[in-house]
Amino acid sequence: MTRGRLSRALLAAFLLATAVDLVGLLAGVWAVHAAAKPLLMPLLAGYVAARGGPRLLIVALLLGWGGDVALLFDADPAFMLGMGSFALGHVCYLLLFRGAPLSRPLGAGYALALVAVVALLWPDLPADLRVPVAGYSLLLTVMAFRAGGLGPYAGVGGGLFLLSDTLIATGVAQWPQLPAPDFWVMATYAAAQLLLTLGVLGAPGSKEGGAPRDRPRNIRDRQDSRSSPPL
Protein backbone atom coordinates (compact mmCIF):
# COMPACT_ATOMS: atom_id res chain seq x y z
CA MET A 1 0.00 0.00 0.00
CA THR A 2 1.35 3.43 -0.96
CA ARG A 3 1.73 6.15 1.67
CA GLY A 4 -1.06 8.14 0.05
CA ARG A 5 -3.49 5.23 0.21
CA LEU A 6 -2.40 4.41 3.75
CA SER A 7 -2.95 7.98 4.92
CA ARG A 8 -6.43 8.08 3.36
CA ALA A 9 -7.29 4.74 4.97
CA LEU A 10 -6.18 5.96 8.38
CA LEU A 11 -8.15 9.19 8.01
CA ALA A 12 -11.23 7.22 6.99
CA ALA A 13 -10.74 4.93 10.00
CA PHE A 14 -10.51 7.99 12.27
CA LEU A 15 -13.74 9.40 10.86
CA LEU A 16 -15.48 6.03 11.19
CA ALA A 17 -14.31 5.58 14.80
CA THR A 18 -15.48 9.12 15.59
CA ALA A 19 -18.91 8.40 14.12
CA VAL A 20 -19.19 5.15 16.10
CA ASP A 21 -18.18 6.96 19.28
CA LEU A 22 -20.74 9.73 18.77
CA VAL A 23 -23.53 7.28 17.95
CA GLY A 24 -22.65 5.33 21.07
CA LEU A 25 -22.89 8.48 23.16
CA LEU A 26 -26.24 9.44 21.65
CA ALA A 27 -27.52 5.91 22.29
CA GLY A 28 -26.22 6.00 25.87
CA VAL A 29 -24.08 2.87 25.34
CA TRP A 30 -20.98 3.59 27.42
CA ALA A 31 -19.18 0.44 26.27
CA VAL A 32 -19.15 1.73 22.69
CA HIS A 33 -17.67 5.04 23.82
CA ALA A 34 -15.08 3.30 25.99
CA ALA A 35 -14.01 1.15 23.04
CA ALA A 36 -14.03 3.83 20.33
CA LYS A 37 -12.59 6.84 22.15
CA PRO A 38 -9.09 5.38 22.70
CA LEU A 39 -8.81 4.66 18.96
CA LEU A 40 -9.29 8.23 17.78
CA MET A 41 -5.98 9.95 18.45
CA PRO A 42 -3.75 6.95 17.52
CA LEU A 43 -5.54 6.76 14.16
CA LEU A 44 -5.12 10.51 13.62
CA ALA A 45 -1.46 10.30 14.69
CA GLY A 46 -1.00 7.42 12.24
CA TYR A 47 -2.49 9.59 9.51
CA VAL A 48 0.03 12.33 10.32
CA ALA A 49 2.90 9.82 10.29
CA ALA A 50 1.75 8.42 6.93
CA ARG A 51 1.68 11.98 5.58
CA GLY A 52 5.21 12.56 6.86
CA GLY A 53 3.97 15.30 9.21
CA PRO A 54 5.91 16.91 12.06
CA ARG A 55 6.83 14.70 15.00
CA LEU A 56 5.62 17.36 17.41
CA LEU A 57 2.14 17.02 15.95
CA ILE A 58 2.23 13.26 16.48
CA VAL A 59 3.36 13.82 20.08
CA ALA A 60 0.54 16.36 20.64
CA LEU A 61 -2.05 13.88 19.38
CA LEU A 62 -0.67 11.04 21.48
CA LEU A 63 -0.74 13.27 24.54
CA GLY A 64 -4.38 13.92 23.66
CA TRP A 65 -4.83 10.13 23.61
CA GLY A 66 -3.37 9.98 27.13
CA GLY A 67 -5.90 12.58 28.25
CA ASP A 68 -8.72 10.72 26.51
CA VAL A 69 -7.93 7.47 28.30
CA ALA A 70 -7.51 9.16 31.69
CA LEU A 71 -10.88 10.90 31.43
CA LEU A 72 -12.62 7.57 30.91
CA PHE A 73 -12.13 7.00 34.64
CA ASP A 74 -14.40 8.86 37.04
CA ALA A 75 -11.87 9.87 39.68
CA ASP A 76 -10.16 13.13 40.66
CA PRO A 77 -6.59 11.79 40.12
CA ALA A 78 -7.57 10.62 36.63
CA PHE A 79 -9.05 14.04 35.85
CA MET A 80 -5.83 15.76 36.94
CA LEU A 81 -3.72 13.28 34.96
CA GLY A 82 -5.86 13.86 31.88
CA MET A 83 -5.68 17.62 32.22
CA GLY A 84 -1.90 17.42 32.58
CA SER A 85 -1.58 15.26 29.47
CA PHE A 86 -3.70 17.67 27.44
CA ALA A 87 -1.66 20.60 28.80
CA LEU A 88 1.56 19.03 27.49
CA GLY A 89 -0.18 18.53 24.15
CA HIS A 90 -1.02 22.24 24.06
CA VAL A 91 2.64 23.05 24.67
CA CYS A 92 3.49 20.95 21.60
CA TYR A 93 0.92 22.85 19.58
CA LEU A 94 2.37 26.16 20.75
CA LEU A 95 5.80 25.06 19.56
CA LEU A 96 4.29 24.15 16.19
CA PHE A 97 2.60 27.57 15.96
CA ARG A 98 5.68 29.63 16.73
CA GLY A 99 6.37 32.17 14.01
CA ALA A 100 2.72 32.36 12.94
CA PRO A 101 1.38 35.92 12.64
CA LEU A 102 -0.47 37.44 15.58
CA SER A 103 -3.83 39.20 15.58
CA ARG A 104 -4.35 41.73 18.35
CA PRO A 105 -8.17 41.82 18.00
CA LEU A 106 -8.30 38.02 18.17
CA GLY A 107 -6.01 38.04 21.18
CA ALA A 108 -8.18 40.61 22.93
CA GLY A 109 -11.29 38.53 22.23
CA TYR A 110 -9.73 35.39 23.65
CA ALA A 111 -8.44 37.29 26.68
CA LEU A 112 -11.92 38.61 27.45
CA ALA A 113 -13.40 35.15 27.00
CA LEU A 114 -10.82 33.65 29.36
CA VAL A 115 -11.45 36.19 32.11
CA ALA A 116 -15.22 35.87 31.78
CA VAL A 117 -15.30 32.06 31.80
CA VAL A 118 -12.88 31.66 34.70
CA ALA A 119 -14.68 34.33 36.74
CA LEU A 120 -18.05 32.68 36.17
CA LEU A 121 -16.84 29.14 36.83
CA TRP A 122 -14.62 29.94 39.82
CA PRO A 123 -17.27 29.93 42.59
CA ASP A 124 -18.78 26.63 41.42
CA LEU A 125 -15.58 24.66 40.89
CA PRO A 126 -14.30 22.37 43.67
CA ALA A 127 -11.76 24.34 45.71
CA ASP A 128 -8.88 22.02 44.88
CA LEU A 129 -9.53 22.34 41.13
CA ARG A 130 -9.88 26.11 40.85
CA VAL A 131 -6.21 26.98 40.37
CA PRO A 132 -5.39 23.98 38.12
CA VAL A 133 -8.42 24.66 35.92
CA ALA A 134 -7.58 28.37 35.69
CA GLY A 135 -3.97 27.61 34.75
CA TYR A 136 -5.02 25.03 32.19
CA SER A 137 -7.61 27.43 30.76
CA LEU A 138 -4.91 30.08 30.29
CA LEU A 139 -2.67 27.63 28.41
CA LEU A 140 -5.55 26.37 26.27
CA THR A 141 -6.67 29.91 25.43
CA VAL A 142 -3.16 30.90 24.37
CA MET A 143 -2.99 27.79 22.19
CA ALA A 144 -6.34 28.60 20.57
CA PHE A 145 -5.24 32.19 19.95
CA ARG A 146 -1.91 31.18 18.41
CA ALA A 147 -3.65 28.57 16.25
CA GLY A 148 -5.55 31.39 14.57
CA GLY A 149 -2.32 32.64 13.01
CA LEU A 150 -1.85 29.37 11.13
CA GLY A 151 -4.97 29.73 9.02
CA PRO A 152 -8.69 28.94 9.14
CA TYR A 153 -8.36 25.19 9.75
CA ALA A 154 -6.16 25.54 12.81
CA GLY A 155 -7.99 28.68 13.95
CA VAL A 156 -11.37 26.97 14.04
CA GLY A 157 -9.77 23.88 15.55
CA GLY A 158 -8.28 25.89 18.41
CA GLY A 159 -11.62 27.56 19.08
CA LEU A 160 -13.44 24.21 19.11
CA PHE A 161 -10.87 22.75 21.50
CA LEU A 162 -11.52 25.65 23.85
CA LEU A 163 -15.28 25.14 23.52
CA SER A 164 -15.01 21.40 24.19
CA ASP A 165 -12.97 21.84 27.36
CA THR A 166 -15.23 24.67 28.53
CA LEU A 167 -18.16 22.25 28.26
CA ILE A 168 -16.23 19.80 30.43
CA ALA A 169 -15.53 22.55 32.97
CA THR A 170 -19.20 23.48 33.19
CA GLY A 171 -19.94 19.85 33.97
CA VAL A 172 -17.32 19.83 36.73
CA ALA A 173 -18.91 23.01 38.08
CA GLN A 174 -22.30 21.23 37.96
CA TRP A 175 -23.89 23.83 35.73
CA PRO A 176 -27.03 22.88 33.74
CA GLN A 177 -25.97 20.83 30.72
CA LEU A 178 -27.10 20.43 27.14
CA PRO A 179 -28.92 17.20 26.27
CA ALA A 180 -26.33 14.42 25.70
CA PRO A 181 -23.46 16.59 27.01
CA ASP A 182 -20.77 13.97 26.34
CA PHE A 183 -21.81 13.93 22.67
CA TRP A 184 -21.13 17.65 22.32
CA VAL A 185 -17.84 17.42 24.19
CA MET A 186 -16.58 14.63 21.92
CA ALA A 187 -17.99 16.13 18.70
CA THR A 188 -16.21 19.46 19.26
CA TYR A 189 -13.04 17.74 20.50
CA ALA A 190 -12.71 15.33 17.57
CA ALA A 191 -13.37 18.15 15.10
CA ALA A 192 -10.82 20.33 16.91
CA GLN A 193 -8.04 17.77 16.73
CA LEU A 194 -8.74 17.02 13.07
CA LEU A 195 -8.79 20.69 12.09
CA LEU A 196 -5.63 21.44 14.06
CA THR A 197 -3.98 18.51 12.32
CA LEU A 198 -5.04 19.68 8.87
CA GLY A 199 -3.97 23.22 9.71
CA VAL A 200 -0.49 22.13 10.75
CA LEU A 201 -0.06 19.82 7.75
CA GLY A 202 -1.07 22.63 5.41
CA ALA A 203 1.14 25.28 7.00
CA PRO A 204 4.18 26.70 5.16
CA GLY A 205 6.59 25.26 7.73
CA SER A 206 5.49 21.66 7.27
CA LYS A 207 5.22 19.29 4.34
CA GLU A 208 5.03 15.59 3.71
CA GLY A 209 8.30 13.89 4.47
CA GLY A 210 8.86 16.09 7.51
CA ALA A 211 11.41 18.39 5.84
CA PRO A 212 10.72 22.06 6.60
CA ARG A 213 10.06 24.40 3.75
CA ASP A 214 11.87 27.68 3.45
CA ARG A 215 10.24 30.16 5.79
CA PRO A 216 8.43 33.05 4.09
CA ARG A 217 10.35 36.28 4.38
CA ASN A 218 7.44 38.26 5.78
CA ILE A 219 3.85 37.94 6.93
CA ARG A 220 2.40 38.69 3.50
CA ASP A 221 4.52 35.94 1.93
CA ARG A 222 3.40 33.54 4.65
CA GLN A 223 -0.25 34.34 4.10
CA ASP A 224 0.05 34.08 0.33
CA SER A 225 1.72 30.67 0.58
CA ARG A 226 -0.96 29.18 2.84
CA SER A 227 -3.19 26.64 1.13
CA SER A 228 -5.77 24.07 2.12
CA PRO A 229 -4.08 20.80 3.14
CA PRO A 230 -4.71 17.86 0.83
CA LEU A 231 -6.37 14.86 2.46
Foldseek 3Di string as FASTA:
>chain_A
DALVVLLVVLVVVLVVLLVQLLVCLVVVPVVSVLVSQLSNLVSVLVSCVSQQKAPLLSQLSVLQSQLSNLVSDPDPVSNVSSLVSNLVSLVSLVVLLPPQDADPVLLVVLVVVLVVLLVVLQVLADPVCSVVVSVSLVSLSVSLRSLVSLDDLQNLLSVLLSVLVSLVSCVNSVHDADVSSVSSSSVSNSSSSVSNSQSSQQFQQIGGSGHGDDDDPDNVRRVVSGDGHDD
